[in-house]
N, C-alpha and C. Protein backbone atom coordinates (compact mmCIF):
# COMPACT_ATOMS: atom_id res chain seq x y z
N MET A 1 158.45 85.60 -10.12
CA MET A 1 158.06 84.41 -10.88
C MET A 1 158.34 84.64 -12.36
N GLN A 2 158.82 83.60 -13.02
CA GLN A 2 159.09 83.66 -14.45
C GLN A 2 157.77 83.45 -15.19
N THR A 3 157.33 84.47 -15.93
CA THR A 3 156.04 84.36 -16.61
C THR A 3 156.16 84.36 -18.13
N LYS A 4 157.36 84.67 -18.63
CA LYS A 4 157.59 84.62 -20.07
C LYS A 4 158.79 83.72 -20.30
N ILE A 5 158.50 82.56 -20.88
CA ILE A 5 159.50 81.50 -21.01
C ILE A 5 159.62 81.10 -22.48
N HIS A 6 160.84 81.14 -22.99
CA HIS A 6 161.10 80.68 -24.36
C HIS A 6 161.93 79.40 -24.27
N ILE A 7 161.45 78.35 -24.94
CA ILE A 7 162.13 77.05 -24.91
C ILE A 7 162.66 76.74 -26.31
N ILE A 8 163.96 76.43 -26.36
CA ILE A 8 164.64 76.14 -27.62
C ILE A 8 165.18 74.71 -27.55
N GLY A 9 165.05 73.98 -28.63
CA GLY A 9 165.61 72.64 -28.72
C GLY A 9 165.32 72.05 -30.08
N SER A 10 166.05 71.04 -30.43
CA SER A 10 165.87 70.39 -31.73
C SER A 10 164.59 69.56 -31.75
N VAL A 11 164.22 69.14 -32.94
CA VAL A 11 163.14 68.17 -33.06
C VAL A 11 163.56 66.92 -32.28
N GLY A 12 162.66 66.39 -31.48
CA GLY A 12 162.97 65.20 -30.68
C GLY A 12 163.66 65.49 -29.37
N SER A 13 163.89 66.75 -29.05
CA SER A 13 164.58 67.09 -27.80
C SER A 13 163.66 66.98 -26.58
N GLY A 14 162.36 67.05 -26.81
CA GLY A 14 161.41 67.01 -25.71
C GLY A 14 160.84 68.37 -25.37
N LYS A 15 161.10 69.37 -26.21
CA LYS A 15 160.68 70.73 -25.88
C LYS A 15 159.16 70.90 -25.85
N THR A 16 158.44 70.29 -26.76
CA THR A 16 156.99 70.44 -26.79
C THR A 16 156.36 69.75 -25.58
N THR A 17 156.78 68.54 -25.29
CA THR A 17 156.27 67.80 -24.13
C THR A 17 156.59 68.57 -22.85
N PHE A 18 157.82 69.07 -22.74
CA PHE A 18 158.22 69.82 -21.56
C PHE A 18 157.41 71.11 -21.44
N ALA A 19 157.20 71.82 -22.56
CA ALA A 19 156.42 73.06 -22.54
C ALA A 19 155.01 72.79 -22.05
N ARG A 20 154.42 71.70 -22.51
CA ARG A 20 153.05 71.36 -22.07
C ARG A 20 153.01 71.02 -20.59
N ARG A 21 153.99 70.29 -20.12
CA ARG A 21 154.05 69.95 -18.70
C ARG A 21 154.26 71.19 -17.84
N LEU A 22 155.13 72.07 -18.29
CA LEU A 22 155.39 73.32 -17.58
C LEU A 22 154.13 74.19 -17.58
N SER A 23 153.41 74.19 -18.69
CA SER A 23 152.16 74.93 -18.79
C SER A 23 151.13 74.40 -17.79
N GLU A 24 151.00 73.07 -17.72
CA GLU A 24 150.06 72.46 -16.76
C GLU A 24 150.43 72.82 -15.33
N LYS A 25 151.71 72.81 -15.03
CA LYS A 25 152.17 73.09 -13.66
C LYS A 25 151.96 74.55 -13.29
N THR A 26 152.21 75.46 -14.22
CA THR A 26 152.18 76.89 -13.91
C THR A 26 150.87 77.58 -14.27
N GLY A 27 150.09 76.95 -15.15
CA GLY A 27 148.87 77.59 -15.63
C GLY A 27 149.13 78.64 -16.71
N ILE A 28 150.37 78.70 -17.20
CA ILE A 28 150.73 79.65 -18.26
C ILE A 28 150.52 78.96 -19.61
N ALA A 29 149.83 79.65 -20.51
CA ALA A 29 149.55 79.09 -21.84
C ALA A 29 150.84 78.89 -22.62
N CYS A 30 150.91 77.76 -23.36
CA CYS A 30 152.10 77.53 -24.19
C CYS A 30 151.72 77.52 -25.66
N PHE A 31 152.68 77.94 -26.46
CA PHE A 31 152.48 78.09 -27.90
C PHE A 31 153.68 77.52 -28.64
N GLU A 32 153.40 76.77 -29.72
CA GLU A 32 154.45 76.20 -30.55
C GLU A 32 154.72 77.15 -31.72
N LEU A 33 155.98 77.46 -31.96
CA LEU A 33 156.32 78.33 -33.07
C LEU A 33 155.87 77.75 -34.41
N ASP A 34 155.86 76.43 -34.52
CA ASP A 34 155.38 75.81 -35.77
C ASP A 34 153.94 76.24 -36.05
N ASN A 35 153.14 76.40 -34.99
CA ASN A 35 151.75 76.80 -35.16
C ASN A 35 151.59 78.30 -35.38
N VAL A 36 152.67 79.04 -35.18
CA VAL A 36 152.67 80.45 -35.54
C VAL A 36 152.94 80.56 -37.05
N VAL A 37 153.81 79.71 -37.55
CA VAL A 37 154.15 79.71 -38.97
C VAL A 37 153.02 79.10 -39.81
N TRP A 38 152.37 78.06 -39.29
CA TRP A 38 151.36 77.31 -40.04
C TRP A 38 149.98 77.47 -39.43
N LYS A 39 148.97 77.66 -40.28
CA LYS A 39 147.58 77.58 -39.86
C LYS A 39 147.22 76.10 -39.91
N ARG A 40 146.84 75.56 -38.79
CA ARG A 40 146.48 74.14 -38.74
C ARG A 40 145.00 73.99 -39.05
N ARG A 41 144.68 73.10 -39.99
CA ARG A 41 143.29 72.89 -40.38
C ARG A 41 143.03 71.39 -40.43
N GLU A 42 142.18 70.94 -39.53
CA GLU A 42 141.84 69.53 -39.49
C GLU A 42 140.66 69.25 -40.42
N ASN A 43 140.54 68.02 -40.82
CA ASN A 43 139.41 67.55 -41.62
C ASN A 43 139.24 68.30 -42.93
N GLU A 44 140.34 68.76 -43.48
CA GLU A 44 140.31 69.39 -44.79
C GLU A 44 141.35 68.72 -45.66
N GLU A 45 141.18 68.84 -46.95
CA GLU A 45 142.11 68.21 -47.87
C GLU A 45 143.54 68.73 -47.70
N ILE A 46 143.65 70.05 -47.56
CA ILE A 46 144.95 70.66 -47.30
C ILE A 46 144.99 70.96 -45.81
N HIS A 47 145.85 70.24 -45.08
CA HIS A 47 145.86 70.34 -43.62
C HIS A 47 146.53 71.60 -43.11
N ASP A 48 147.66 71.95 -43.65
CA ASP A 48 148.41 73.11 -43.16
C ASP A 48 148.55 74.14 -44.26
N VAL A 49 148.37 75.40 -43.88
CA VAL A 49 148.58 76.49 -44.81
C VAL A 49 149.58 77.44 -44.16
N LYS A 50 150.64 77.75 -44.87
CA LYS A 50 151.67 78.62 -44.32
C LYS A 50 151.15 80.06 -44.28
N ARG A 51 151.32 80.69 -43.13
CA ARG A 51 150.93 82.10 -42.99
C ARG A 51 151.90 82.97 -43.79
N THR A 52 151.41 84.08 -44.28
CA THR A 52 152.31 85.06 -44.90
C THR A 52 153.17 85.64 -43.78
N PRO A 53 154.33 86.20 -44.10
CA PRO A 53 155.15 86.82 -43.05
C PRO A 53 154.36 87.85 -42.23
N GLU A 54 153.51 88.61 -42.89
CA GLU A 54 152.72 89.62 -42.17
C GLU A 54 151.72 88.95 -41.22
N GLU A 55 151.03 87.92 -41.69
CA GLU A 55 150.09 87.19 -40.82
C GLU A 55 150.82 86.58 -39.63
N ARG A 56 151.96 85.94 -39.93
CA ARG A 56 152.77 85.32 -38.89
C ARG A 56 153.19 86.34 -37.84
N ASP A 57 153.73 87.47 -38.29
CA ASP A 57 154.22 88.50 -37.38
C ASP A 57 153.09 89.09 -36.54
N ASN A 58 151.94 89.32 -37.16
CA ASN A 58 150.79 89.85 -36.42
C ASN A 58 150.30 88.87 -35.37
N TYR A 59 150.20 87.60 -35.75
CA TYR A 59 149.77 86.57 -34.81
C TYR A 59 150.78 86.44 -33.66
N PHE A 60 152.06 86.44 -33.99
CA PHE A 60 153.11 86.32 -32.99
C PHE A 60 153.06 87.51 -32.02
N ALA A 61 152.81 88.71 -32.55
CA ALA A 61 152.72 89.90 -31.70
C ALA A 61 151.57 89.77 -30.70
N THR A 62 150.46 89.16 -31.12
CA THR A 62 149.34 88.99 -30.16
C THR A 62 149.74 88.04 -29.03
N LEU A 63 150.55 87.04 -29.34
CA LEU A 63 151.01 86.12 -28.29
C LEU A 63 151.95 86.84 -27.33
N LEU A 64 152.87 87.62 -27.89
CA LEU A 64 153.85 88.32 -27.07
C LEU A 64 153.21 89.41 -26.21
N ASN A 65 152.05 89.90 -26.60
CA ASN A 65 151.36 90.93 -25.81
C ASN A 65 150.66 90.36 -24.59
N ARG A 66 150.61 89.05 -24.48
CA ARG A 66 150.00 88.43 -23.31
C ARG A 66 150.87 88.70 -22.09
N GLU A 67 150.24 88.69 -20.92
CA GLU A 67 150.97 88.92 -19.68
C GLU A 67 151.97 87.80 -19.39
N ALA A 68 151.61 86.59 -19.78
CA ALA A 68 152.48 85.43 -19.53
C ALA A 68 152.37 84.49 -20.72
N TRP A 69 153.47 83.80 -21.02
CA TRP A 69 153.48 82.82 -22.11
C TRP A 69 154.67 81.89 -21.98
N ILE A 70 154.46 80.72 -22.58
CA ILE A 70 155.56 79.78 -22.82
C ILE A 70 155.57 79.58 -24.33
N ILE A 71 156.68 79.90 -24.95
CA ILE A 71 156.81 79.74 -26.40
C ILE A 71 157.93 78.74 -26.63
N GLU A 72 157.63 77.74 -27.46
CA GLU A 72 158.66 76.73 -27.74
C GLU A 72 158.85 76.58 -29.23
N GLY A 73 160.11 76.42 -29.60
CA GLY A 73 160.44 76.19 -30.99
C GLY A 73 161.89 76.54 -31.25
N VAL A 74 162.37 76.07 -32.37
CA VAL A 74 163.79 76.22 -32.68
C VAL A 74 164.02 77.23 -33.79
N HIS A 75 162.97 77.83 -34.27
CA HIS A 75 163.15 78.80 -35.36
C HIS A 75 164.17 79.84 -34.95
N SER A 76 165.23 79.96 -35.71
CA SER A 76 166.29 80.91 -35.37
C SER A 76 166.23 82.13 -36.29
N PHE A 77 165.05 82.39 -36.81
CA PHE A 77 164.88 83.51 -37.71
C PHE A 77 164.73 84.81 -36.91
N ASP A 78 164.97 85.91 -37.57
CA ASP A 78 164.91 87.21 -36.91
C ASP A 78 163.57 87.46 -36.23
N TRP A 79 162.48 86.98 -36.82
CA TRP A 79 161.16 87.26 -36.24
C TRP A 79 160.98 86.65 -34.86
N VAL A 80 161.75 85.65 -34.50
CA VAL A 80 161.63 84.99 -33.19
C VAL A 80 162.39 85.75 -32.10
N MET A 81 163.33 86.56 -32.49
CA MET A 81 164.18 87.24 -31.50
C MET A 81 163.39 88.10 -30.52
N LYS A 82 162.26 88.60 -30.91
CA LYS A 82 161.44 89.43 -30.01
C LYS A 82 161.03 88.64 -28.77
N SER A 83 160.67 87.38 -28.93
CA SER A 83 160.27 86.58 -27.75
C SER A 83 161.49 86.25 -26.89
N ILE A 84 162.63 86.07 -27.51
CA ILE A 84 163.85 85.81 -26.74
C ILE A 84 164.22 87.06 -25.94
N GLN A 85 164.09 88.23 -26.56
CA GLN A 85 164.38 89.48 -25.86
C GLN A 85 163.44 89.71 -24.68
N GLU A 86 162.20 89.32 -24.83
CA GLU A 86 161.20 89.57 -23.78
C GLU A 86 161.13 88.47 -22.72
N ALA A 87 161.78 87.35 -22.97
CA ALA A 87 161.67 86.20 -22.06
C ALA A 87 162.35 86.48 -20.73
N ASP A 88 161.68 86.04 -19.66
CA ASP A 88 162.29 86.07 -18.32
C ASP A 88 163.33 84.96 -18.21
N VAL A 89 163.09 83.86 -18.91
CA VAL A 89 164.03 82.75 -18.92
C VAL A 89 163.99 82.10 -20.30
N ILE A 90 165.17 81.68 -20.76
CA ILE A 90 165.31 80.97 -22.03
C ILE A 90 165.86 79.60 -21.68
N LEU A 91 165.08 78.58 -21.94
CA LEU A 91 165.49 77.22 -21.63
C LEU A 91 166.02 76.57 -22.91
N VAL A 92 167.24 76.09 -22.87
CA VAL A 92 167.84 75.40 -24.01
C VAL A 92 167.88 73.92 -23.67
N ILE A 93 167.03 73.15 -24.34
CA ILE A 93 167.00 71.71 -24.12
C ILE A 93 167.96 71.09 -25.12
N ASP A 94 169.05 70.54 -24.59
CA ASP A 94 170.14 70.05 -25.42
C ASP A 94 170.31 68.54 -25.25
N THR A 95 169.26 67.82 -25.58
CA THR A 95 169.26 66.36 -25.50
C THR A 95 170.27 65.79 -26.48
N LYS A 96 170.90 64.68 -26.12
CA LYS A 96 171.90 64.05 -26.98
C LYS A 96 171.31 63.71 -28.36
N TYR A 97 172.16 63.82 -29.36
CA TYR A 97 171.77 63.63 -30.76
C TYR A 97 171.08 62.28 -30.99
N PHE A 98 171.66 61.19 -30.49
CA PHE A 98 171.09 59.87 -30.76
C PHE A 98 169.82 59.60 -29.96
N VAL A 99 169.64 60.28 -28.85
CA VAL A 99 168.36 60.21 -28.11
C VAL A 99 167.27 60.85 -28.97
N ARG A 100 167.61 61.96 -29.60
CA ARG A 100 166.64 62.63 -30.46
C ARG A 100 166.27 61.76 -31.66
N ILE A 101 167.25 61.06 -32.23
CA ILE A 101 166.96 60.17 -33.36
C ILE A 101 165.98 59.08 -32.93
N TYR A 102 166.24 58.48 -31.78
CA TYR A 102 165.33 57.45 -31.25
C TYR A 102 163.91 58.03 -31.09
N ARG A 103 163.82 59.23 -30.54
CA ARG A 103 162.51 59.84 -30.31
C ARG A 103 161.78 60.16 -31.61
N ILE A 104 162.53 60.57 -32.64
CA ILE A 104 161.92 60.84 -33.94
C ILE A 104 161.30 59.56 -34.50
N ILE A 105 162.03 58.47 -34.43
CA ILE A 105 161.53 57.18 -34.94
C ILE A 105 160.31 56.74 -34.13
N ARG A 106 160.42 56.82 -32.82
CA ARG A 106 159.31 56.42 -31.93
C ARG A 106 158.07 57.26 -32.20
N ARG A 107 158.24 58.58 -32.31
CA ARG A 107 157.12 59.48 -32.57
C ARG A 107 156.43 59.12 -33.87
N TYR A 108 157.22 58.91 -34.92
CA TYR A 108 156.65 58.58 -36.23
C TYR A 108 155.82 57.29 -36.16
N LEU A 109 156.37 56.27 -35.52
CA LEU A 109 155.65 55.00 -35.42
C LEU A 109 154.36 55.16 -34.62
N LEU A 110 154.41 55.87 -33.51
CA LEU A 110 153.21 56.10 -32.70
C LEU A 110 152.17 56.91 -33.46
N GLN A 111 152.62 57.89 -34.23
CA GLN A 111 151.68 58.69 -35.02
C GLN A 111 151.04 57.84 -36.12
N LYS A 112 151.82 57.02 -36.79
CA LYS A 112 151.28 56.16 -37.85
C LYS A 112 150.29 55.15 -37.29
N LEU A 113 150.52 54.71 -36.04
CA LEU A 113 149.61 53.77 -35.40
C LEU A 113 148.40 54.47 -34.78
N GLY A 114 148.38 55.80 -34.84
CA GLY A 114 147.28 56.57 -34.28
C GLY A 114 147.31 56.68 -32.76
N ARG A 115 148.46 56.40 -32.17
CA ARG A 115 148.57 56.44 -30.70
C ARG A 115 149.12 57.76 -30.19
N GLU A 116 149.58 58.62 -31.12
CA GLU A 116 150.07 59.95 -30.75
C GLU A 116 149.55 60.94 -31.77
N LYS A 117 149.02 62.06 -31.28
CA LYS A 117 148.47 63.10 -32.15
C LYS A 117 149.60 63.89 -32.79
N ALA A 118 149.37 64.32 -34.02
CA ALA A 118 150.34 65.15 -34.73
C ALA A 118 149.65 66.40 -35.25
N ASN A 119 150.39 67.49 -35.36
CA ASN A 119 149.87 68.73 -35.95
C ASN A 119 149.95 68.69 -37.48
N TYR A 120 150.41 67.60 -38.02
CA TYR A 120 150.67 67.45 -39.44
C TYR A 120 150.33 66.01 -39.82
N VAL A 121 150.30 65.74 -41.11
CA VAL A 121 150.08 64.38 -41.57
C VAL A 121 151.42 63.66 -41.52
N PRO A 122 151.55 62.62 -40.67
CA PRO A 122 152.83 61.92 -40.57
C PRO A 122 153.12 61.09 -41.83
N SER A 123 154.01 61.60 -42.64
CA SER A 123 154.37 60.93 -43.90
C SER A 123 155.86 60.62 -43.87
N LEU A 124 156.28 59.79 -44.80
CA LEU A 124 157.72 59.51 -44.90
C LEU A 124 158.50 60.78 -45.21
N LYS A 125 157.91 61.67 -45.99
CA LYS A 125 158.58 62.92 -46.33
C LYS A 125 158.88 63.74 -45.07
N ILE A 126 157.90 63.90 -44.20
CA ILE A 126 158.12 64.68 -42.97
C ILE A 126 159.05 63.92 -42.02
N PHE A 127 158.94 62.59 -42.02
CA PHE A 127 159.81 61.76 -41.19
C PHE A 127 161.29 62.01 -41.55
N TRP A 128 161.61 61.99 -42.86
CA TRP A 128 162.99 62.24 -43.28
C TRP A 128 163.41 63.67 -43.01
N LYS A 129 162.45 64.62 -43.14
CA LYS A 129 162.77 66.02 -42.83
C LYS A 129 163.17 66.18 -41.36
N MET A 130 162.55 65.41 -40.48
CA MET A 130 162.88 65.50 -39.06
C MET A 130 164.34 65.10 -38.82
N PHE A 131 164.81 64.08 -39.52
CA PHE A 131 166.22 63.70 -39.41
C PHE A 131 167.11 64.84 -39.91
N LYS A 132 166.70 65.44 -41.02
CA LYS A 132 167.45 66.56 -41.59
C LYS A 132 167.48 67.73 -40.60
N TRP A 133 166.33 68.08 -40.01
CA TRP A 133 166.26 69.19 -39.06
C TRP A 133 167.08 68.90 -37.82
N ASN A 134 167.07 67.65 -37.38
CA ASN A 134 167.85 67.26 -36.21
C ASN A 134 169.34 67.46 -36.49
N HIS A 135 169.78 67.01 -37.65
CA HIS A 135 171.18 67.16 -38.04
C HIS A 135 171.54 68.64 -38.21
N GLN A 136 170.64 69.38 -38.83
CA GLN A 136 170.86 70.81 -39.05
C GLN A 136 170.98 71.56 -37.72
N PHE A 137 170.13 71.21 -36.74
CA PHE A 137 170.20 71.85 -35.43
C PHE A 137 171.57 71.62 -34.80
N GLU A 138 172.06 70.40 -34.94
CA GLU A 138 173.37 70.06 -34.37
C GLU A 138 174.46 70.95 -34.97
N LYS A 139 174.37 71.20 -36.27
CA LYS A 139 175.36 72.04 -36.95
C LYS A 139 175.19 73.51 -36.57
N GLU A 140 173.96 73.94 -36.31
CA GLU A 140 173.67 75.36 -36.03
C GLU A 140 173.67 75.69 -34.54
N LYS A 141 173.81 74.68 -33.69
CA LYS A 141 173.70 74.89 -32.25
C LYS A 141 174.68 75.94 -31.74
N VAL A 142 175.91 75.91 -32.18
CA VAL A 142 176.91 76.87 -31.73
C VAL A 142 176.47 78.29 -32.09
N ALA A 143 175.97 78.49 -33.30
CA ALA A 143 175.51 79.82 -33.73
C ALA A 143 174.30 80.27 -32.91
N ILE A 144 173.40 79.34 -32.61
CA ILE A 144 172.22 79.67 -31.80
C ILE A 144 172.67 80.11 -30.40
N LEU A 145 173.57 79.33 -29.81
CA LEU A 145 174.07 79.68 -28.47
C LEU A 145 174.81 81.01 -28.48
N LYS A 146 175.51 81.29 -29.57
CA LYS A 146 176.22 82.56 -29.70
C LYS A 146 175.22 83.72 -29.68
N LYS A 147 174.09 83.56 -30.38
CA LYS A 147 173.05 84.59 -30.39
C LYS A 147 172.47 84.83 -28.99
N LEU A 148 172.50 83.78 -28.18
CA LEU A 148 171.92 83.87 -26.83
C LEU A 148 172.88 84.44 -25.79
N GLU A 149 174.16 84.59 -26.15
CA GLU A 149 175.16 85.04 -25.18
C GLU A 149 174.78 86.34 -24.48
N MET A 150 174.17 87.27 -25.19
CA MET A 150 173.82 88.54 -24.58
C MET A 150 172.70 88.40 -23.55
N TYR A 151 172.05 87.23 -23.53
CA TYR A 151 170.98 86.97 -22.57
C TYR A 151 171.41 85.96 -21.51
N ASN A 152 172.72 85.78 -21.35
CA ASN A 152 173.28 84.74 -20.48
C ASN A 152 172.60 84.63 -19.12
N ASP A 153 172.26 85.75 -18.52
CA ASP A 153 171.65 85.71 -17.19
C ASP A 153 170.29 85.03 -17.21
N ASN A 154 169.67 84.95 -18.38
CA ASN A 154 168.34 84.35 -18.50
C ASN A 154 168.36 82.96 -19.13
N VAL A 155 169.53 82.46 -19.52
CA VAL A 155 169.61 81.19 -20.24
C VAL A 155 169.92 80.05 -19.27
N VAL A 156 169.12 78.99 -19.37
CA VAL A 156 169.33 77.79 -18.57
C VAL A 156 169.45 76.61 -19.53
N SER A 157 170.53 75.86 -19.41
CA SER A 157 170.76 74.68 -20.24
C SER A 157 170.23 73.45 -19.52
N LEU A 158 169.40 72.69 -20.21
CA LEU A 158 168.82 71.46 -19.66
C LEU A 158 169.20 70.31 -20.58
N PRO A 159 170.25 69.55 -20.23
CA PRO A 159 170.81 68.57 -21.16
C PRO A 159 170.14 67.21 -21.21
N ASN A 160 169.25 66.92 -20.25
CA ASN A 160 168.65 65.57 -20.23
C ASN A 160 167.37 65.58 -19.41
N ASN A 161 166.68 64.43 -19.39
CA ASN A 161 165.41 64.33 -18.68
C ASN A 161 165.54 64.62 -17.19
N LYS A 162 166.65 64.22 -16.60
CA LYS A 162 166.87 64.46 -15.18
C LYS A 162 166.88 65.97 -14.90
N ALA A 163 167.56 66.72 -15.74
CA ALA A 163 167.61 68.18 -15.59
C ALA A 163 166.23 68.80 -15.81
N LEU A 164 165.50 68.28 -16.81
CA LEU A 164 164.14 68.78 -17.07
C LEU A 164 163.26 68.57 -15.84
N GLU A 165 163.34 67.38 -15.26
CA GLU A 165 162.53 67.09 -14.07
C GLU A 165 162.90 67.99 -12.90
N LYS A 166 164.19 68.21 -12.72
CA LYS A 166 164.64 69.09 -11.63
C LYS A 166 164.10 70.50 -11.84
N TYR A 167 164.14 70.96 -13.06
CA TYR A 167 163.62 72.30 -13.35
C TYR A 167 162.12 72.35 -13.09
N LEU A 168 161.42 71.31 -13.51
CA LEU A 168 159.97 71.26 -13.38
C LEU A 168 159.52 71.30 -11.92
N VAL A 169 160.28 70.66 -11.05
CA VAL A 169 159.89 70.65 -9.63
C VAL A 169 160.50 71.82 -8.88
N GLY A 170 161.19 72.69 -9.60
CA GLY A 170 161.68 73.92 -8.99
C GLY A 170 162.96 73.78 -8.19
N GLU A 171 163.74 72.72 -8.45
CA GLU A 171 165.02 72.59 -7.74
C GLU A 171 165.94 73.72 -8.17
N LYS A 172 166.76 74.14 -7.27
CA LYS A 172 167.68 75.25 -7.51
C LYS A 172 168.65 74.95 -8.65
N ILE A 173 169.01 75.99 -9.35
CA ILE A 173 170.00 75.89 -10.41
C ILE A 173 171.38 76.06 -9.77
N ASN A 174 172.25 75.08 -9.97
CA ASN A 174 173.58 75.12 -9.38
C ASN A 174 174.64 75.26 -10.45
N GLY A 175 175.66 76.05 -10.16
CA GLY A 175 176.85 76.09 -11.00
C GLY A 175 176.66 76.81 -12.31
N VAL A 176 177.75 77.11 -12.93
CA VAL A 176 177.77 77.73 -14.25
C VAL A 176 178.80 76.99 -15.08
N ARG A 177 178.43 76.68 -16.31
CA ARG A 177 179.35 75.98 -17.20
C ARG A 177 179.24 76.59 -18.58
N ASP A 178 180.33 76.94 -19.17
CA ASP A 178 180.35 77.52 -20.51
C ASP A 178 179.45 78.75 -20.62
N GLY A 179 179.34 79.53 -19.53
CA GLY A 179 178.55 80.74 -19.57
C GLY A 179 177.06 80.52 -19.41
N PHE A 180 176.63 79.27 -19.38
CA PHE A 180 175.21 78.98 -19.23
C PHE A 180 174.96 78.28 -17.92
N LYS A 181 173.87 78.64 -17.25
CA LYS A 181 173.51 77.98 -16.00
C LYS A 181 173.14 76.54 -16.34
N LYS A 182 173.45 75.65 -15.44
CA LYS A 182 173.07 74.26 -15.62
C LYS A 182 172.10 73.85 -14.53
N ALA A 183 171.10 73.11 -14.88
CA ALA A 183 170.10 72.71 -13.91
C ALA A 183 170.61 71.60 -13.02
N GLY A 184 170.42 71.75 -11.73
CA GLY A 184 170.70 70.69 -10.78
C GLY A 184 172.16 70.25 -10.73
N GLY A 185 173.07 71.02 -11.22
CA GLY A 185 174.48 70.67 -11.16
C GLY A 185 174.86 69.49 -12.02
N ILE A 186 174.04 69.17 -12.99
CA ILE A 186 174.29 68.00 -13.84
C ILE A 186 175.34 68.34 -14.88
């Protein structure tokens, strides 16, 4: 059984929602890399406080020492490589660019209406940053995939919701494309 799972994808790719669903199905705790970088504080004037690199690394080490985990996030910094190295499976959620743009807009509107919870204060500034991060991920995707090549046997590409659902229900992984396994032969 895969007990250490690292999920990579751009903002709006569905990685957090998928990680939570996978966590519910498997009973394995999931952690967002954004929450490793930031101390979340509700009901305070300053909502998020960035951890020092030492605090971040120590906190991350405690997560990695768990017997099982699901870690999701796109941080491509050196400090994240330890979880990629230890992962039984690395899921790359590669949702189409314009689907992600739609999801960013939808998420922002739902958060502003109070219908979706956010780990941050949904502001126009963060909204525009999400577009920037989405575009940046698209430009950096090739480099990210290159870093993952040495873990090819553990990397599964999930390009759309259909593939995510197939993975979630445990359907077999069929075929190989571009060195990465593809879910459900999609």
